[in-house]
Amino acid sequence: MKVLIAYYSKTGNTKQMAETIAESIKKENLEVILKRVEESWMEK
């Protein structure tokens, strides 16, 4: 199963939280895709 975590962070605090959540999910042997919201909008 894949899990997408999309985040927006001006100061870096939300990025750190998203990375912490991603690490927890990876420990459950799930695939994590971590992207900034800006990157998500650019993809086709």
C-alpha atoms as a PDB file:
ATOM      1  CA  MET A   1       0.000   0.000   0.000  1.00  0.00           C
ATOM      2  CA  LYS A   2       1.184   3.518  -0.795  1.00  0.00           C
ATOM      3  CA  VAL A   3       0.569   6.511   1.458  1.00  0.00           C
ATOM      4  CA  LEU A   4       0.846  10.064   0.138  1.00  0.00           C
ATOM      5  CA  ILE A   5       1.663  12.793   2.618  1.00  0.00           C
ATOM      6  CA  ALA A   6       1.231  16.213   1.026  1.00  0.00           C
ATOM      7  CA  TYR A   7       2.229  19.197   3.134  1.00  0.00           C
ATOM      8  CA  TYR A   8       2.709  22.941   2.932  1.00  0.00           C
ATOM      9  CA  SER A   9       5.284  24.572   5.161  1.00  0.00           C
ATOM     10  CA  LYS A  10       6.521  28.149   5.283  1.00  0.00           C
ATOM     11  CA  THR A  11       8.845  27.820   8.259  1.00  0.00           C
ATOM     12  CA  GLY A  12       9.726  24.120   8.156  1.00  0.00           C
ATOM     13  CA  ASN A  13       7.691  23.031  11.176  1.00  0.00           C
ATOM     14  CA  THR A  14       5.011  21.274   9.131  1.00  0.00           C
ATOM     15  CA  LYS A  15       7.719  19.647   6.994  1.00  0.00           C
ATOM     16  CA  GLN A  16       9.301  18.205  10.137  1.00  0.00           C
ATOM     17  CA  MET A  17       5.937  16.877  11.286  1.00  0.00           C
ATOM     18  CA  ALA A  18       5.264  15.308   7.876  1.00  0.00           C
ATOM     19  CA  GLU A  19       8.699  13.637   7.936  1.00  0.00           C
ATOM     20  CA  THR A  20       8.042  12.275  11.436  1.00  0.00           C
ATOM     21  CA  ILE A  21       4.698  10.856  10.329  1.00  0.00           C
ATOM     22  CA  ALA A  22       6.339   9.355   7.232  1.00  0.00           C
ATOM     23  CA  GLU A  23       8.959   7.584   9.343  1.00  0.00           C
ATOM     24  CA  SER A  24       6.248   6.085  11.550  1.00  0.00           C
ATOM     25  CA  ILE A  25       4.363   4.828   8.518  1.00  0.00           C
ATOM     26  CA  LYS A  26       7.535   3.314   7.022  1.00  0.00           C
ATOM     27  CA  LYS A  27       8.011   1.303  10.211  1.00  0.00           C
ATOM     28  CA  GLU A  28       4.708  -0.411   9.365  1.00  0.00           C
ATOM     29  CA  ASN A  29       6.274  -1.569   6.059  1.00  0.00           C
ATOM     30  CA  LEU A  30       4.168   0.772   3.944  1.00  0.00           C
ATOM     31  CA  GLU A  31       5.478   2.838   1.041  1.00  0.00           C
ATOM     32  CA  VAL A  32       5.421   6.579   1.719  1.00  0.00           C
ATOM     33  CA  ILE A  33       5.429   9.364  -0.829  1.00  0.00           C
ATOM     34  CA  LEU A  34       6.246  12.688   0.806  1.00  0.00           C
ATOM     35  CA  LYS A  35       5.565  15.780  -1.309  1.00  0.00           C
ATOM     36  CA  ARG A  36       5.180  19.469  -0.855  1.00  0.00           C
ATOM     37  CA  VAL A  37       1.763  20.683  -2.017  1.00  0.00           C
ATOM     38  CA  GLU A  38       3.447  22.763  -4.691  1.00  0.00           C
ATOM     39  CA  GLU A  39       4.989  19.616  -6.195  1.00  0.00           C
ATOM     40  CA  SER A  40       1.651  17.801  -6.183  1.00  0.00           C
ATOM     41  CA  TRP A  41      -0.045  20.530  -8.223  1.00  0.00           C
ATOM     42  CA  MET A  42       2.668  20.495 -10.869  1.00  0.00           C
ATOM     43  CA  GLU A  43       2.322  16.815 -11.739  1.00  0.00           C
ATOM     44  CA  LYS A  44       0.119  15.716 -14.579  1.00  0.00           C
END
